[in-house]
Amino acid sequence: MHSTGRATLGHRRPPGIDTLHHTGNRGLDAISDPRHRAMVASVLSSGLVDGMIALVDSFDPPVDLAQARVDADVPAAELAAFGVTVPAATVDNITLMRALMVPVDDDALALAVDRVWVFTTNTDDVCRPPTTASWTSPPTSSAPTSTGT
């Protein structure tokens, strides 16, 4: 049981889960396609993002932000127990997004949705190789690898 009083997952690790590693780049360096990196840099330098942030600065959502941050501890601890490292900011942001987009009064249901969103988002980000034609460059050497089955 977690300190918030919510039950934690008690499943054994799936095969190969401890072999997943991600050491991605940060910032614009994380964008391997130079044309896409240049486009993102131009959007950031245009001031448009700052303008959007200013527009929503006074937004006061009808959600308990403090509770959403506390709720983020549960899926983070569960994933850590399985040996899966997810950045705390990622778990916080996804849990907060769920609280904003799918407000749920039932704590067990809220936790279940948080688990699904955090796990699947992290799995997609870390494990999915590029498979679409929109990818114009091969994955870098920092791409995650798995030696498990």
C-alpha atoms as a PDB file:
ATOM      1  CA  MET A   1       0.000   0.000   0.000  1.00  0.00           C
ATOM      2  CA  HIS A   2       1.281   3.461  -0.918  1.00  0.00           C
ATOM      3  CA  SER A   3       1.477   6.312   1.612  1.00  0.00           C
ATOM      4  CA  THR A   4      -1.602   7.899   0.004  1.00  0.00           C
ATOM      5  CA  GLY A   5      -3.641   4.878   1.086  1.00  0.00           C
ATOM      6  CA  ARG A   6      -4.039   3.587  -2.454  1.00  0.00           C
ATOM      7  CA  ALA A   7      -3.090   0.023  -3.281  1.00  0.00           C
ATOM      8  CA  THR A   8      -0.023  -0.444  -5.451  1.00  0.00           C
ATOM      9  CA  LEU A   9       0.400  -2.988  -8.205  1.00  0.00           C
ATOM     10  CA  GLY A  10       1.866  -6.304  -7.102  1.00  0.00           C
ATOM     11  CA  HIS A  11       2.628  -7.969 -10.432  1.00  0.00           C
ATOM     12  CA  ARG A  12       5.932  -9.604 -11.215  1.00  0.00           C
ATOM     13  CA  ARG A  13       8.149  -7.936 -13.807  1.00  0.00           C
ATOM     14  CA  PRO A  14       7.376  -8.869 -17.401  1.00  0.00           C
ATOM     15  CA  PRO A  15      10.248 -10.569 -19.249  1.00  0.00           C
ATOM     16  CA  GLY A  16      12.838  -8.073 -20.469  1.00  0.00           C
ATOM     17  CA  ILE A  17      11.455  -5.082 -18.566  1.00  0.00           C
ATOM     18  CA  ASP A  18      14.749  -4.571 -16.740  1.00  0.00           C
ATOM     19  CA  THR A  19      16.648  -4.352 -20.024  1.00  0.00           C
ATOM     20  CA  LEU A  20      14.947  -1.162 -21.250  1.00  0.00           C
ATOM     21  CA  HIS A  21      17.163   1.893 -21.143  1.00  0.00           C
ATOM     22  CA  HIS A  22      16.647   5.377 -22.527  1.00  0.00           C
ATOM     23  CA  THR A  23      19.353   7.992 -22.624  1.00  0.00           C
ATOM     24  CA  GLY A  24      17.801  10.548 -24.942  1.00  0.00           C
ATOM     25  CA  ASN A  25      19.127  13.987 -25.737  1.00  0.00           C
ATOM     26  CA  ARG A  26      17.613  17.107 -24.223  1.00  0.00           C
ATOM     27  CA  GLY A  27      16.271  20.264 -25.847  1.00  0.00           C
ATOM     28  CA  LEU A  28      16.527  20.822 -29.571  1.00  0.00           C
ATOM     29  CA  ASP A  29      19.370  18.278 -29.754  1.00  0.00           C
ATOM     30  CA  ALA A  30      16.737  15.592 -29.214  1.00  0.00           C
ATOM     31  CA  ILE A  31      15.353  16.317 -32.706  1.00  0.00           C
ATOM     32  CA  SER A  32      17.501  14.310 -35.087  1.00  0.00           C
ATOM     33  CA  ASP A  33      16.073  15.704 -38.343  1.00  0.00           C
ATOM     34  CA  PRO A  34      17.868  19.033 -38.979  1.00  0.00           C
ATOM     35  CA  ARG A  35      14.921  20.485 -40.953  1.00  0.00           C
ATOM     36  CA  HIS A  36      12.458  19.669 -38.175  1.00  0.00           C
ATOM     37  CA  ARG A  37      14.904  20.987 -35.543  1.00  0.00           C
ATOM     38  CA  ALA A  38      15.225  24.271 -37.494  1.00  0.00           C
ATOM     39  CA  MET A  39      11.439  24.574 -37.781  1.00  0.00           C
ATOM     40  CA  VAL A  40      10.961  24.033 -34.029  1.00  0.00           C
ATOM     41  CA  ALA A  41      13.746  26.534 -33.271  1.00  0.00           C
ATOM     42  CA  SER A  42      12.064  29.128 -35.492  1.00  0.00           C
ATOM     43  CA  VAL A  43       8.711  28.643 -33.738  1.00  0.00           C
ATOM     44  CA  LEU A  44      10.368  28.995 -30.340  1.00  0.00           C
ATOM     45  CA  SER A  45      12.286  32.118 -31.370  1.00  0.00           C
ATOM     46  CA  SER A  46       9.194  33.706 -32.955  1.00  0.00           C
ATOM     47  CA  GLY A  47       7.633  34.458 -29.574  1.00  0.00           C
ATOM     48  CA  LEU A  48       4.430  32.593 -30.433  1.00  0.00           C
ATOM     49  CA  VAL A  49       4.904  30.106 -27.602  1.00  0.00           C
ATOM     50  CA  ASP A  50       5.477  32.939 -25.128  1.00  0.00           C
ATOM     51  CA  GLY A  51       2.283  34.559 -26.381  1.00  0.00           C
ATOM     52  CA  MET A  52       0.296  31.370 -25.822  1.00  0.00           C
ATOM     53  CA  ILE A  53       1.726  31.016 -22.321  1.00  0.00           C
ATOM     54  CA  ALA A  54       0.721  34.615 -21.545  1.00  0.00           C
ATOM     55  CA  LEU A  55      -2.837  33.944 -22.771  1.00  0.00           C
ATOM     56  CA  VAL A  56      -3.324  30.986 -20.455  1.00  0.00           C
ATOM     57  CA  ASP A  57      -1.355  32.362 -17.501  1.00  0.00           C
ATOM     58  CA  SER A  58      -4.502  33.272 -15.584  1.00  0.00           C
ATOM     59  CA  PHE A  59      -6.254  29.946 -16.287  1.00  0.00           C
ATOM     60  CA  ASP A  60      -7.598  28.528 -13.025  1.00  0.00           C
ATOM     61  CA  PRO A  61      -8.807  24.988 -13.677  1.00  0.00           C
ATOM     62  CA  PRO A  62     -11.494  23.393 -11.512  1.00  0.00           C
ATOM     63  CA  VAL A  63      -9.141  20.651 -10.323  1.00  0.00           C
ATOM     64  CA  ASP A  64      -7.247  19.967  -7.126  1.00  0.00           C
ATOM     65  CA  LEU A  65      -3.702  20.572  -8.398  1.00  0.00           C
ATOM     66  CA  ALA A  66      -2.087  19.577  -5.112  1.00  0.00           C
ATOM     67  CA  GLN A  67      -3.953  16.252  -5.080  1.00  0.00           C
ATOM     68  CA  ALA A  68      -3.018  15.592  -8.711  1.00  0.00           C
ATOM     69  CA  ARG A  69       0.646  15.979  -7.796  1.00  0.00           C
ATOM     70  CA  VAL A  70       0.250  13.649  -4.809  1.00  0.00           C
ATOM     71  CA  ASP A  71      -1.555  11.143  -7.044  1.00  0.00           C
ATOM     72  CA  ALA A  72       1.447  11.121  -9.390  1.00  0.00           C
ATOM     73  CA  ASP A  73       3.537   9.448  -6.684  1.00  0.00           C
ATOM     74  CA  VAL A  74       1.595   6.184  -6.973  1.00  0.00           C
ATOM     75  CA  PRO A  75       2.241   5.257 -10.633  1.00  0.00           C
ATOM     76  CA  ALA A  76       5.806   6.583 -10.338  1.00  0.00           C
ATOM     77  CA  ALA A  77       6.493   4.306  -7.342  1.00  0.00           C
ATOM     78  CA  GLU A  78       4.864   1.336  -9.061  1.00  0.00           C
ATOM     79  CA  LEU A  79       6.925   1.754 -12.214  1.00  0.00           C
ATOM     80  CA  ALA A  80      10.077   2.183 -10.117  1.00  0.00           C
ATOM     81  CA  ALA A  81       9.241  -1.067  -8.311  1.00  0.00           C
ATOM     82  CA  PHE A  82       9.279  -2.779 -11.714  1.00  0.00           C
ATOM     83  CA  GLY A  83      12.601  -1.153 -12.555  1.00  0.00           C
ATOM     84  CA  VAL A  84      11.117   1.307 -15.040  1.00  0.00           C
ATOM     85  CA  THR A  85      12.443   4.831 -14.641  1.00  0.00           C
ATOM     86  CA  VAL A  86      10.051   7.568 -15.694  1.00  0.00           C
ATOM     87  CA  PRO A  87      11.053  11.202 -15.161  1.00  0.00           C
ATOM     88  CA  ALA A  88       9.073  12.679 -12.272  1.00  0.00           C
ATOM     89  CA  ALA A  89       8.022  15.633 -14.439  1.00  0.00           C
ATOM     90  CA  THR A  90       6.537  13.237 -16.997  1.00  0.00           C
ATOM     91  CA  VAL A  91       4.434  11.445 -14.389  1.00  0.00           C
ATOM     92  CA  ASP A  92       3.381  14.759 -12.823  1.00  0.00           C
ATOM     93  CA  ASN A  93       2.385  16.245 -16.180  1.00  0.00           C
ATOM     94  CA  ILE A  94       0.449  13.194 -17.353  1.00  0.00           C
ATOM     95  CA  THR A  95      -1.372  12.846 -14.032  1.00  0.00           C
ATOM     96  CA  LEU A  96      -2.229  16.544 -14.070  1.00  0.00           C
ATOM     97  CA  MET A  97      -3.393  16.245 -17.698  1.00  0.00           C
ATOM     98  CA  ARG A  98      -5.666  13.366 -16.710  1.00  0.00           C
ATOM     99  CA  ALA A  99      -7.105  15.382 -13.808  1.00  0.00           C
ATOM    100  CA  LEU A 100      -7.836  18.283 -16.168  1.00  0.00           C
ATOM    101  CA  MET A 101      -9.162  16.262 -19.103  1.00  0.00           C
ATOM    102  CA  VAL A 102     -10.862  13.398 -17.287  1.00  0.00           C
ATOM    103  CA  PRO A 103     -11.927  14.613 -13.836  1.00  0.00           C
ATOM    104  CA  VAL A 104     -12.976  11.557 -11.831  1.00  0.00           C
ATOM    105  CA  ASP A 105     -14.498  11.493  -8.334  1.00  0.00           C
ATOM    106  CA  ASP A 106     -13.718   7.804  -7.781  1.00  0.00           C
ATOM    107  CA  ASP A 107     -10.122   7.545  -6.518  1.00  0.00           C
ATOM    108  CA  ALA A 108      -9.669   3.961  -7.731  1.00  0.00           C
ATOM    109  CA  LEU A 109     -10.831   4.855 -11.240  1.00  0.00           C
ATOM    110  CA  ALA A 110      -8.642   7.971 -11.293  1.00  0.00           C
ATOM    111  CA  LEU A 111      -5.620   5.871 -10.298  1.00  0.00           C
ATOM    112  CA  ALA A 112      -6.436   3.277 -12.962  1.00  0.00           C
ATOM    113  CA  VAL A 113      -6.597   5.944 -15.675  1.00  0.00           C
ATOM    114  CA  ASP A 114      -3.372   7.535 -14.377  1.00  0.00           C
ATOM    115  CA  ARG A 115      -1.641   4.141 -14.554  1.00  0.00           C
ATOM    116  CA  VAL A 116      -2.798   3.540 -18.116  1.00  0.00           C
ATOM    117  CA  TRP A 117      -1.827   7.004 -19.354  1.00  0.00           C
ATOM    118  CA  VAL A 118       1.569   7.124 -17.647  1.00  0.00           C
ATOM    119  CA  PHE A 119       2.608   3.598 -18.591  1.00  0.00           C
ATOM    120  CA  THR A 120       1.444   3.729 -22.203  1.00  0.00           C
ATOM    121  CA  THR A 121       2.851   7.207 -22.796  1.00  0.00           C
ATOM    122  CA  ASN A 122       6.217   6.233 -21.379  1.00  0.00           C
ATOM    123  CA  THR A 123       6.235   2.934 -23.271  1.00  0.00           C
ATOM    124  CA  ASP A 124       5.398   4.715 -26.508  1.00  0.00           C
ATOM    125  CA  ASP A 125       8.082   7.361 -25.952  1.00  0.00           C
ATOM    126  CA  VAL A 126      10.834   4.945 -24.967  1.00  0.00           C
ATOM    127  CA  CYS A 127      10.157   1.732 -26.830  1.00  0.00           C
ATOM    128  CA  ARG A 128       8.475   2.497 -30.130  1.00  0.00           C
ATOM    129  CA  PRO A 129      10.850   2.605 -33.073  1.00  0.00           C
ATOM    130  CA  PRO A 130      10.011   5.002 -35.877  1.00  0.00           C
ATOM    131  CA  THR A 131       7.739   3.162 -38.296  1.00  0.00           C
ATOM    132  CA  THR A 132       6.120   5.831 -40.431  1.00  0.00           C
ATOM    133  CA  ALA A 133       7.250   7.398 -43.671  1.00  0.00           C
ATOM    134  CA  SER A 134       7.420  10.762 -41.894  1.00  0.00           C
ATOM    135  CA  TRP A 135      10.692   9.736 -40.273  1.00  0.00           C
ATOM    136  CA  THR A 136      13.453  10.992 -42.517  1.00  0.00           C
ATOM    137  CA  SER A 137      16.474   9.995 -40.498  1.00  0.00           C
ATOM    138  CA  PRO A 138      17.393   6.772 -38.719  1.00  0.00           C
ATOM    139  CA  PRO A 139      17.299   6.570 -34.951  1.00  0.00           C
ATOM    140  CA  THR A 140      20.418   7.838 -33.204  1.00  0.00           C
ATOM    141  CA  SER A 141      22.725   5.673 -31.151  1.00  0.00           C
ATOM    142  CA  SER A 142      20.898   6.904 -28.047  1.00  0.00           C
ATOM    143  CA  ALA A 143      17.776   5.044 -29.153  1.00  0.00           C
ATOM    144  CA  PRO A 144      16.465   2.599 -26.534  1.00  0.00           C
ATOM    145  CA  THR A 145      17.305  -1.040 -26.969  1.00  0.00           C
ATOM    146  CA  SER A 146      15.903  -4.212 -25.516  1.00  0.00           C
ATOM    147  CA  THR A 147      17.663  -7.537 -25.285  1.00  0.00           C
ATOM    148  CA  GLY A 148      14.673  -9.236 -23.703  1.00  0.00           C
ATOM    149  CA  THR A 149      12.017 -11.194 -25.506  1.00  0.00           C
END
